[in-house]
PDB file of N, CA and C in Angstrom:
ATOM      1  N   MET A   1       3.584 -31.434 -28.039  1.00  0.00           N
ATOM      2  CA  MET A   1       2.941 -31.325 -26.747  1.00  0.00           C
ATOM      3  C   MET A   1       2.463 -29.902 -26.539  1.00  0.00           C
ATOM      4  N   ASP A   2       1.306 -29.755 -26.026  1.00  0.00           N
ATOM      5  CA  ASP A   2       0.646 -28.492 -25.726  1.00  0.00           C
ATOM      6  C   ASP A   2       1.101 -28.001 -24.345  1.00  0.00           C
ATOM      7  N   ALA A   3       1.223 -26.679 -24.192  1.00  0.00           N
ATOM      8  CA  ALA A   3       1.673 -26.113 -22.915  1.00  0.00           C
ATOM      9  C   ALA A   3       0.560 -26.030 -21.878  1.00  0.00           C
ATOM     10  N   ARG A   4      -0.684 -26.291 -22.281  1.00  0.00           N
ATOM     11  CA  ARG A   4      -1.790 -26.213 -21.321  1.00  0.00           C
ATOM     12  C   ARG A   4      -1.551 -27.188 -20.179  1.00  0.00           C
ATOM     13  N   GLY A   5      -1.812 -26.738 -18.994  1.00  0.00           N
ATOM     14  CA  GLY A   5      -1.646 -27.579 -17.826  1.00  0.00           C
ATOM     15  C   GLY A   5      -0.254 -27.507 -17.231  1.00  0.00           C
ATOM     16  N   ALA A   6       0.696 -26.955 -17.980  1.00  0.00           N
ATOM     17  CA  ALA A   6       2.064 -26.857 -17.469  1.00  0.00           C
ATOM     18  C   ALA A   6       2.155 -25.825 -16.350  1.00  0.00           C
ATOM     19  N   ASN A   7       1.343 -24.782 -16.433  1.00  0.00           N
ATOM     20  CA  ASN A   7       1.340 -23.738 -15.413  1.00  0.00           C
ATOM     21  C   ASN A   7      -0.103 -23.365 -15.135  1.00  0.00           C
ATOM     22  N   PRO A   8      -0.662 -23.785 -14.006  1.00  0.00           N
ATOM     23  CA  PRO A   8      -2.070 -23.505 -13.711  1.00  0.00           C
ATOM     24  C   PRO A   8      -2.405 -22.018 -13.723  1.00  0.00           C
ATOM     25  N   LEU A   9      -1.492 -21.156 -13.280  1.00  0.00           N
ATOM     26  CA  LEU A   9      -1.760 -19.725 -13.285  1.00  0.00           C
ATOM     27  C   LEU A   9      -1.932 -19.218 -14.709  1.00  0.00           C
ATOM     28  N   THR A  10      -1.101 -19.661 -15.623  1.00  0.00           N
ATOM     29  CA  THR A  10      -1.211 -19.265 -17.026  1.00  0.00           C
ATOM     30  C   THR A  10      -2.558 -19.686 -17.594  1.00  0.00           C
ATOM     31  N   ASP A  11      -3.012 -20.880 -17.252  1.00  0.00           N
ATOM     32  CA  ASP A  11      -4.315 -21.355 -17.733  1.00  0.00           C
ATOM     33  C   ASP A  11      -5.446 -20.474 -17.213  1.00  0.00           C
ATOM     34  N   VAL A  12      -5.384 -20.098 -15.940  1.00  0.00           N
ATOM     35  CA  VAL A  12      -6.428 -19.238 -15.360  1.00  0.00           C
ATOM     36  C   VAL A  12      -6.428 -17.881 -16.049  1.00  0.00           C
ATOM     37  N   LEU A  13      -5.251 -17.296 -16.227  1.00  0.00           N
ATOM     38  CA  LEU A  13      -5.169 -15.987 -16.873  1.00  0.00           C
ATOM     39  C   LEU A  13      -5.624 -16.045 -18.324  1.00  0.00           C
ATOM     40  N   ALA A  14      -5.304 -17.118 -19.024  1.00  0.00           N
ATOM     41  CA  ALA A  14      -5.699 -17.268 -20.423  1.00  0.00           C
ATOM     42  C   ALA A  14      -7.203 -17.415 -20.569  1.00  0.00           C
ATOM     43  N   ALA A  15      -7.869 -17.896 -19.530  1.00  0.00           N
ATOM     44  CA  ALA A  15      -9.318 -18.079 -19.582  1.00  0.00           C
ATOM     45  C   ALA A  15     -10.054 -16.747 -19.591  1.00  0.00           C
ATOM     46  N   GLY A  16      -9.390 -15.673 -19.205  1.00  0.00           N
ATOM     47  CA  GLY A  16     -10.017 -14.360 -19.216  1.00  0.00           C
ATOM     48  C   GLY A  16     -10.635 -14.013 -17.880  1.00  0.00           C
ATOM     49  N   PRO A  17     -11.312 -12.867 -17.831  1.00  0.00           N
ATOM     50  CA  PRO A  17     -11.904 -12.397 -16.577  1.00  0.00           C
ATOM     51  C   PRO A  17     -12.918 -13.391 -16.021  1.00  0.00           C
ATOM     52  N   SER A  18     -12.918 -13.525 -14.717  1.00  0.00           N
ATOM     53  CA  SER A  18     -13.876 -14.431 -14.091  1.00  0.00           C
ATOM     54  C   SER A  18     -15.006 -13.681 -13.411  1.00  0.00           C
ATOM     55  N   LEU A  19     -14.918 -12.359 -13.368  1.00  0.00           N
ATOM     56  CA  LEU A  19     -15.964 -11.560 -12.739  1.00  0.00           C
ATOM     57  C   LEU A  19     -16.887 -10.975 -13.792  1.00  0.00           C
ATOM     58  N   GLU A  20     -18.115 -10.815 -13.411  1.00  0.00           N
ATOM     59  CA  GLU A  20     -19.085 -10.168 -14.282  1.00  0.00           C
ATOM     60  C   GLU A  20     -19.788  -9.093 -13.477  1.00  0.00           C
ATOM     61  N   GLY A  21     -20.306  -8.097 -14.151  1.00  0.00           N
ATOM     62  CA  GLY A  21     -21.064  -7.058 -13.485  1.00  0.00           C
ATOM     63  C   GLY A  21     -20.179  -5.994 -12.859  1.00  0.00           C
ATOM     64  N   PRO A  22     -20.738  -5.217 -11.908  1.00  0.00           N
ATOM     65  CA  PRO A  22     -20.028  -4.078 -11.321  1.00  0.00           C
ATOM     66  C   PRO A  22     -18.675  -4.428 -10.708  1.00  0.00           C
ATOM     67  N   ALA A  23     -18.548  -5.590 -10.098  1.00  0.00           N
ATOM     68  CA  ALA A  23     -17.278  -5.958  -9.470  1.00  0.00           C
ATOM     69  C   ALA A  23     -16.162  -6.081 -10.499  1.00  0.00           C
ATOM     70  N   ALA A  24     -16.512  -6.406 -11.725  1.00  0.00           N
ATOM     71  CA  ALA A  24     -15.501  -6.578 -12.767  1.00  0.00           C
ATOM     72  C   ALA A  24     -14.870  -5.254 -13.170  1.00  0.00           C
ATOM     73  N   THR A  25     -15.522  -4.144 -12.891  1.00  0.00           N
ATOM     74  CA  THR A  25     -14.997  -2.843 -13.287  1.00  0.00           C
ATOM     75  C   THR A  25     -14.501  -2.043 -12.093  1.00  0.00           C
ATOM     76  N   GLY A  26     -14.340  -2.673 -10.949  1.00  0.00           N
ATOM     77  CA  GLY A  26     -13.881  -1.982  -9.753  1.00  0.00           C
ATOM     78  C   GLY A  26     -12.445  -1.493  -9.886  1.00  0.00           C
ATOM     79  N   VAL A  27     -12.060  -0.698  -8.944  1.00  0.00           N
ATOM     80  CA  VAL A  27     -10.722  -0.130  -8.923  1.00  0.00           C
ATOM     81  C   VAL A  27      -9.950  -0.738  -7.757  1.00  0.00           C
ATOM     82  N   ALA A  28      -8.729  -1.098  -7.999  1.00  0.00           N
ATOM     83  CA  ALA A  28      -7.842  -1.580  -6.941  1.00  0.00           C
ATOM     84  C   ALA A  28      -6.734  -0.553  -6.753  1.00  0.00           C
ATOM     85  N   VAL A  29      -6.425  -0.257  -5.524  1.00  0.00           N
ATOM     86  CA  VAL A  29      -5.349   0.672  -5.216  1.00  0.00           C
ATOM     87  C   VAL A  29      -4.233  -0.125  -4.559  1.00  0.00           C
ATOM     88  N   LEU A  30      -3.051  -0.055  -5.136  1.00  0.00           N
ATOM     89  CA  LEU A  30      -1.894  -0.765  -4.606  1.00  0.00           C
ATOM     90  C   LEU A  30      -0.915   0.245  -4.032  1.00  0.00           C
ATOM     91  N   PHE A  31      -0.435  -0.025  -2.843  1.00  0.00           N
ATOM     92  CA  PHE A  31       0.517   0.862  -2.191  1.00  0.00           C
ATOM     93  C   PHE A  31       1.888   0.200  -2.140  1.00  0.00           C
ATOM     94  N   PRO A  32       2.948   1.005  -2.132  1.00  0.00           N
ATOM     95  CA  PRO A  32       4.292   0.432  -2.045  1.00  0.00           C
ATOM     96  C   PRO A  32       4.536  -0.173  -0.670  1.00  0.00           C
ATOM     97  N   GLY A  33       5.513  -1.008  -0.598  1.00  0.00           N
ATOM     98  CA  GLY A  33       5.842  -1.651   0.665  1.00  0.00           C
ATOM     99  C   GLY A  33       7.060  -1.049   1.327  1.00  0.00           C
ATOM    100  N   GLN A  34       7.440  -1.690   2.387  1.00  0.00           N
ATOM    101  CA  GLN A  34       8.587  -1.269   3.169  1.00  0.00           C
ATOM    102  C   GLN A  34       9.824  -1.222   2.281  1.00  0.00           C
ATOM    103  N   GLY A  35      10.619  -0.188   2.463  1.00  0.00           N
ATOM    104  CA  GLY A  35      11.817  -0.018   1.654  1.00  0.00           C
ATOM    105  C   GLY A  35      11.660   1.071   0.609  1.00  0.00           C
ATOM    106  N   SER A  36      10.447   1.576   0.444  1.00  0.00           N
ATOM    107  CA  SER A  36      10.219   2.625  -0.554  1.00  0.00           C
ATOM    108  C   SER A  36      10.097   4.004   0.102  1.00  0.00           C
ATOM    109  N   GLN A  37      10.606   4.134   1.307  1.00  0.00           N
ATOM    110  CA  GLN A  37      10.563   5.401   2.010  1.00  0.00           C
ATOM    111  C   GLN A  37      11.367   6.457   1.252  1.00  0.00           C
ATOM    112  N   THR A  38      10.886   7.690   1.318  1.00  0.00           N
ATOM    113  CA  THR A  38      11.592   8.797   0.681  1.00  0.00           C
ATOM    114  C   THR A  38      11.582  10.001   1.615  1.00  0.00           C
ATOM    115  N   PRO A  39      12.550  10.891   1.471  1.00  0.00           N
ATOM    116  CA  PRO A  39      12.537  12.113   2.272  1.00  0.00           C
ATOM    117  C   PRO A  39      11.262  12.906   1.979  1.00  0.00           C
ATOM    118  N   GLY A  40      10.725  13.526   2.976  1.00  0.00           N
ATOM    119  CA  GLY A  40       9.543  14.354   2.794  1.00  0.00           C
ATOM    120  C   GLY A  40       8.218  13.646   3.018  1.00  0.00           C
ATOM    121  N   MET A  41       8.269  12.354   3.279  1.00  0.00           N
ATOM    122  CA  MET A  41       7.017  11.612   3.483  1.00  0.00           C
ATOM    123  C   MET A  41       6.269  12.114   4.719  1.00  0.00           C
ATOM    124  N   ARG A  42       6.999  12.383   5.780  1.00  0.00           N
ATOM    125  CA  ARG A  42       6.355  12.840   7.009  1.00  0.00           C
ATOM    126  C   ARG A  42       5.629  14.167   6.760  1.00  0.00           C
ATOM    127  N   GLU A  43       6.263  15.065   6.031  1.00  0.00           N
ATOM    128  CA  GLU A  43       5.663  16.367   5.743  1.00  0.00           C
ATOM    129  C   GLU A  43       4.390  16.214   4.916  1.00  0.00           C
ATOM    130  N   LEU A  44       4.397  15.269   3.990  1.00  0.00           N
ATOM    131  CA  LEU A  44       3.209  14.990   3.185  1.00  0.00           C
ATOM    132  C   LEU A  44       2.044  14.579   4.082  1.00  0.00           C
ATOM    133  N   VAL A  45       2.316  13.686   5.016  1.00  0.00           N
ATOM    134  CA  VAL A  45       1.270  13.215   5.930  1.00  0.00           C
ATOM    135  C   VAL A  45       0.834  14.349   6.852  1.00  0.00           C
ATOM    136  N   ALA A  46       1.787  15.087   7.402  1.00  0.00           N
ATOM    137  CA  ALA A  46       1.461  16.183   8.318  1.00  0.00           C
ATOM    138  C   ALA A  46       0.585  17.233   7.640  1.00  0.00           C
ATOM    139  N   GLU A  47       0.831  17.475   6.366  1.00  0.00           N
ATOM    140  CA  GLU A  47       0.056  18.487   5.638  1.00  0.00           C
ATOM    141  C   GLU A  47      -1.320  17.986   5.210  1.00  0.00           C
ATOM    142  N   HIS A  48      -1.377  16.772   4.685  1.00  0.00           N
ATOM    143  CA  HIS A  48      -2.622  16.292   4.084  1.00  0.00           C
ATOM    144  C   HIS A  48      -3.463  15.403   4.995  1.00  0.00           C
ATOM    145  N   ARG A  49      -2.847  14.684   5.916  1.00  0.00           N
ATOM    146  CA  ARG A  49      -3.599  13.799   6.819  1.00  0.00           C
ATOM    147  C   ARG A  49      -2.980  13.794   8.215  1.00  0.00           C
ATOM    148  N   PRO A  50      -2.992  14.946   8.892  1.00  0.00           N
ATOM    149  CA  PRO A  50      -2.406  14.991  10.233  1.00  0.00           C
ATOM    150  C   PRO A  50      -3.073  14.013  11.198  1.00  0.00           C
ATOM    151  N   ASP A  51      -4.323  13.675  10.933  1.00  0.00           N
ATOM    152  CA  ASP A  51      -5.012  12.698  11.782  1.00  0.00           C
ATOM    153  C   ASP A  51      -4.337  11.330  11.711  1.00  0.00           C
ATOM    154  N   LEU A  52      -3.857  10.949  10.529  1.00  0.00           N
ATOM    155  CA  LEU A  52      -3.158   9.672  10.393  1.00  0.00           C
ATOM    156  C   LEU A  52      -1.803   9.703  11.089  1.00  0.00           C
ATOM    157  N   LEU A  53      -1.152  10.842  11.067  1.00  0.00           N
ATOM    158  CA  LEU A  53       0.127  10.965  11.759  1.00  0.00           C
ATOM    159  C   LEU A  53      -0.081  10.773  13.259  1.00  0.00           C
ATOM    160  N   GLU A  54      -1.119  11.381  13.795  1.00  0.00           N
ATOM    161  CA  GLU A  54      -1.415  11.227  15.223  1.00  0.00           C
ATOM    162  C   GLU A  54      -1.821   9.796  15.553  1.00  0.00           C
ATOM    163  N   LEU A  55      -2.612   9.182  14.694  1.00  0.00           N
ATOM    164  CA  LEU A  55      -3.021   7.792  14.912  1.00  0.00           C
ATOM    165  C   LEU A  55      -1.802   6.868  14.902  1.00  0.00           C
ATOM    166  N   ALA A  56      -0.929   7.046  13.924  1.00  0.00           N
ATOM    167  CA  ALA A  56       0.279   6.219  13.843  1.00  0.00           C
ATOM    168  C   ALA A  56       1.181   6.461  15.046  1.00  0.00           C
ATOM    169  N   ARG A  57       1.285   7.702  15.463  1.00  0.00           N
ATOM    170  CA  ARG A  57       2.100   8.028  16.638  1.00  0.00           C
ATOM    171  C   ARG A  57       1.542   7.330  17.875  1.00  0.00           C
ATOM    172  N   GLY A  58       0.234   7.324  18.013  1.00  0.00           N
ATOM    173  CA  GLY A  58      -0.393   6.653  19.149  1.00  0.00           C
ATOM    174  C   GLY A  58      -0.173   5.154  19.131  1.00  0.00           C
ATOM    175  N   GLU A  59      -0.243   4.553  17.953  1.00  0.00           N
ATOM    176  CA  GLU A  59      -0.048   3.103  17.836  1.00  0.00           C
ATOM    177  C   GLU A  59       1.405   2.709  18.073  1.00  0.00           C
ATOM    178  N   CYS A  60       2.329   3.546  17.617  1.00  0.00           N
ATOM    179  CA  CYS A  60       3.759   3.219  17.717  1.00  0.00           C
ATOM    180  C   CYS A  60       4.388   3.689  19.023  1.00  0.00           C
ATOM    181  N   GLY A  61       3.726   4.615  19.693  1.00  0.00           N
ATOM    182  CA  GLY A  61       4.306   5.182  20.901  1.00  0.00           C
ATOM    183  C   GLY A  61       5.359   6.237  20.611  1.00  0.00           C
ATOM    184  N   ALA A  62       5.524   6.570  19.350  1.00  0.00           N
ATOM    185  CA  ALA A  62       6.490   7.581  18.905  1.00  0.00           C
ATOM    186  C   ALA A  62       6.143   7.941  17.468  1.00  0.00           C
ATOM    187  N   ASP A  63       6.752   8.992  16.974  1.00  0.00           N
ATOM    188  CA  ASP A  63       6.552   9.356  15.572  1.00  0.00           C
ATOM    189  C   ASP A  63       7.167   8.250  14.710  1.00  0.00           C
ATOM    190  N   PRO A  64       6.354   7.524  13.931  1.00  0.00           N
ATOM    191  CA  PRO A  64       6.898   6.406  13.162  1.00  0.00           C
ATOM    192  C   PRO A  64       7.924   6.835  12.115  1.00  0.00           C
ATOM    193  N   PHE A  65       7.829   8.062  11.637  1.00  0.00           N
ATOM    194  CA  PHE A  65       8.782   8.532  10.633  1.00  0.00           C
ATOM    195  C   PHE A  65      10.162   8.765  11.238  1.00  0.00           C
ATOM    196  N   GLU A  66      10.201   9.123  12.517  1.00  0.00           N
ATOM    197  CA  GLU A  66      11.484   9.311  13.190  1.00  0.00           C
ATOM    198  C   GLU A  66      12.163   7.977  13.476  1.00  0.00           C
ATOM    199  N   ARG A  67      11.373   6.899  13.512  1.00  0.00           N
ATOM    200  CA  ARG A  67      11.925   5.577  13.838  1.00  0.00           C
ATOM    201  C   ARG A  67      11.714   4.579  12.706  1.00  0.00           C
ATOM    202  N   ILE A  68      11.527   5.070  11.498  1.00  0.00           N
ATOM    203  CA  ILE A  68      11.186   4.215  10.364  1.00  0.00           C
ATOM    204  C   ILE A  68      12.254   3.151  10.085  1.00  0.00           C
ATOM    205  N   ALA A  69      13.502   3.450  10.397  1.00  0.00           N
ATOM    206  CA  ALA A  69      14.585   2.489  10.161  1.00  0.00           C
ATOM    207  C   ALA A  69      14.689   1.445  11.272  1.00  0.00           C
ATOM    208  N   ASP A  70      13.879   1.587  12.316  1.00  0.00           N
ATOM    209  CA  ASP A  70      13.943   0.661  13.456  1.00  0.00           C
ATOM    210  C   ASP A  70      13.187  -0.636  13.221  1.00  0.00           C
ATOM    211  N   GLY A  71      12.538  -0.770  12.087  1.00  0.00           N
ATOM    212  CA  GLY A  71      11.868  -2.022  11.775  1.00  0.00           C
ATOM    213  C   GLY A  71      10.410  -1.861  11.395  1.00  0.00           C
ATOM    214  N   THR A  72       9.799  -2.994  11.153  1.00  0.00           N
ATOM    215  CA  THR A  72       8.434  -3.070  10.639  1.00  0.00           C
ATOM    216  C   THR A  72       7.412  -2.376  11.529  1.00  0.00           C
ATOM    217  N   ALA A  73       7.575  -2.474  12.826  1.00  0.00           N
ATOM    218  CA  ALA A  73       6.595  -1.887  13.746  1.00  0.00           C
ATOM    219  C   ALA A  73       6.433  -0.386  13.537  1.00  0.00           C
ATOM    220  N   HIS A  74       7.455   0.269  13.029  1.00  0.00           N
ATOM    221  CA  HIS A  74       7.368   1.704  12.746  1.00  0.00           C
ATOM    222  C   HIS A  74       7.250   1.979  11.250  1.00  0.00           C
ATOM    223  N   ALA A  75       7.925   1.174  10.447  1.00  0.00           N
ATOM    224  CA  ALA A  75       7.929   1.412   9.002  1.00  0.00           C
ATOM    225  C   ALA A  75       6.549   1.203   8.385  1.00  0.00           C
ATOM    226  N   GLN A  76       5.849   0.159   8.770  1.00  0.00           N
ATOM    227  CA  GLN A  76       4.550  -0.124   8.153  1.00  0.00           C
ATOM    228  C   GLN A  76       3.506   0.958   8.443  1.00  0.00           C
ATOM    229  N   PRO A  77       3.335   1.409   9.697  1.00  0.00           N
ATOM    230  CA  PRO A  77       2.385   2.508   9.921  1.00  0.00           C
ATOM    231  C   PRO A  77       2.782   3.782   9.171  1.00  0.00           C
ATOM    232  N   ALA A  78       4.079   4.057   9.105  1.00  0.00           N
ATOM    233  CA  ALA A  78       4.539   5.244   8.382  1.00  0.00           C
ATOM    234  C   ALA A  78       4.223   5.131   6.897  1.00  0.00           C
ATOM    235  N   MET A  79       4.514   3.979   6.312  1.00  0.00           N
ATOM    236  CA  MET A  79       4.252   3.778   4.887  1.00  0.00           C
ATOM    237  C   MET A  79       2.757   3.845   4.581  1.00  0.00           C
ATOM    238  N   TYR A  80       1.945   3.269   5.453  1.00  0.00           N
ATOM    239  CA  TYR A  80       0.495   3.300   5.245  1.00  0.00           C
ATOM    240  C   TYR A  80      -0.011   4.741   5.274  1.00  0.00           C
ATOM    241  N   ALA A  81       0.389   5.486   6.300  1.00  0.00           N
ATOM    242  CA  ALA A  81      -0.062   6.872   6.416  1.00  0.00           C
ATOM    243  C   ALA A  81       0.385   7.691   5.207  1.00  0.00           C
ATOM    244  N   ALA A  82       1.621   7.516   4.780  1.00  0.00           N
ATOM    245  CA  ALA A  82       2.129   8.261   3.626  1.00  0.00           C
ATOM    246  C   ALA A  82       1.406   7.865   2.341  1.00  0.00           C
ATOM    247  N   SER A  83       1.100   6.600   2.200  1.00  0.00           N
ATOM    248  CA  SER A  83       0.399   6.131   0.997  1.00  0.00           C
ATOM    249  C   SER A  83      -1.003   6.708   0.919  1.00  0.00           C
ATOM    250  N   ILE A  84      -1.719   6.680   2.035  1.00  0.00           N
ATOM    251  CA  ILE A  84      -3.076   7.242   2.056  1.00  0.00           C
ATOM    252  C   ILE A  84      -3.026   8.741   1.771  1.00  0.00           C
ATOM    253  N   ALA A  85      -2.107   9.453   2.401  1.00  0.00           N
ATOM    254  CA  ALA A  85      -1.996  10.898   2.183  1.00  0.00           C
ATOM    255  C   ALA A  85      -1.673  11.214   0.725  1.00  0.00           C
ATOM    256  N   ALA A  86      -0.766  10.467   0.134  1.00  0.00           N
ATOM    257  CA  ALA A  86      -0.400  10.703  -1.270  1.00  0.00           C
ATOM    258  C   ALA A  86      -1.558  10.383  -2.198  1.00  0.00           C
ATOM    259  N   TRP A  87      -2.275   9.306  -1.918  1.00  0.00           N
ATOM    260  CA  TRP A  87      -3.412   8.913  -2.751  1.00  0.00           C
ATOM    261  C   TRP A  87      -4.503   9.974  -2.693  1.00  0.00           C
ATOM    262  N   GLU A  88      -4.811  10.457  -1.512  1.00  0.00           N
ATOM    263  CA  GLU A  88      -5.864  11.464  -1.381  1.00  0.00           C
ATOM    264  C   GLU A  88      -5.448  12.799  -1.976  1.00  0.00           C
ATOM    265  N   ARG A  89      -4.150  13.085  -1.951  1.00  0.00           N
ATOM    266  CA  ARG A  89      -3.658  14.334  -2.535  1.00  0.00           C
ATOM    267  C   ARG A  89      -3.777  14.309  -4.051  1.00  0.00           C
ATOM    268  N   ALA A  90      -3.601  13.131  -4.626  1.00  0.00           N
ATOM    269  CA  ALA A  90      -3.610  12.987  -6.086  1.00  0.00           C
ATOM    270  C   ALA A  90      -4.941  13.204  -6.646  1.00  0.00           C
TER     271      ALA A  90
END
């Protein structure tokens, strides 16, 4: 018995790229999710993207890095701001 059809995702991946042209060579940027917080993230944002820190503070009603352990409402804006700042710094 052949394994084809046993896992549709495997069949799609085995078929190869489905895009042609410029979109096939694009770049995807993946950021870490909640739980990957590290000390110094706030300083990174404050130094490289203070505008994002202010935007996140406005959306959260407080500094999201000071309340990052309080849940998703603060952790996600903090992680996003830190990810953008780190990406642009690189």
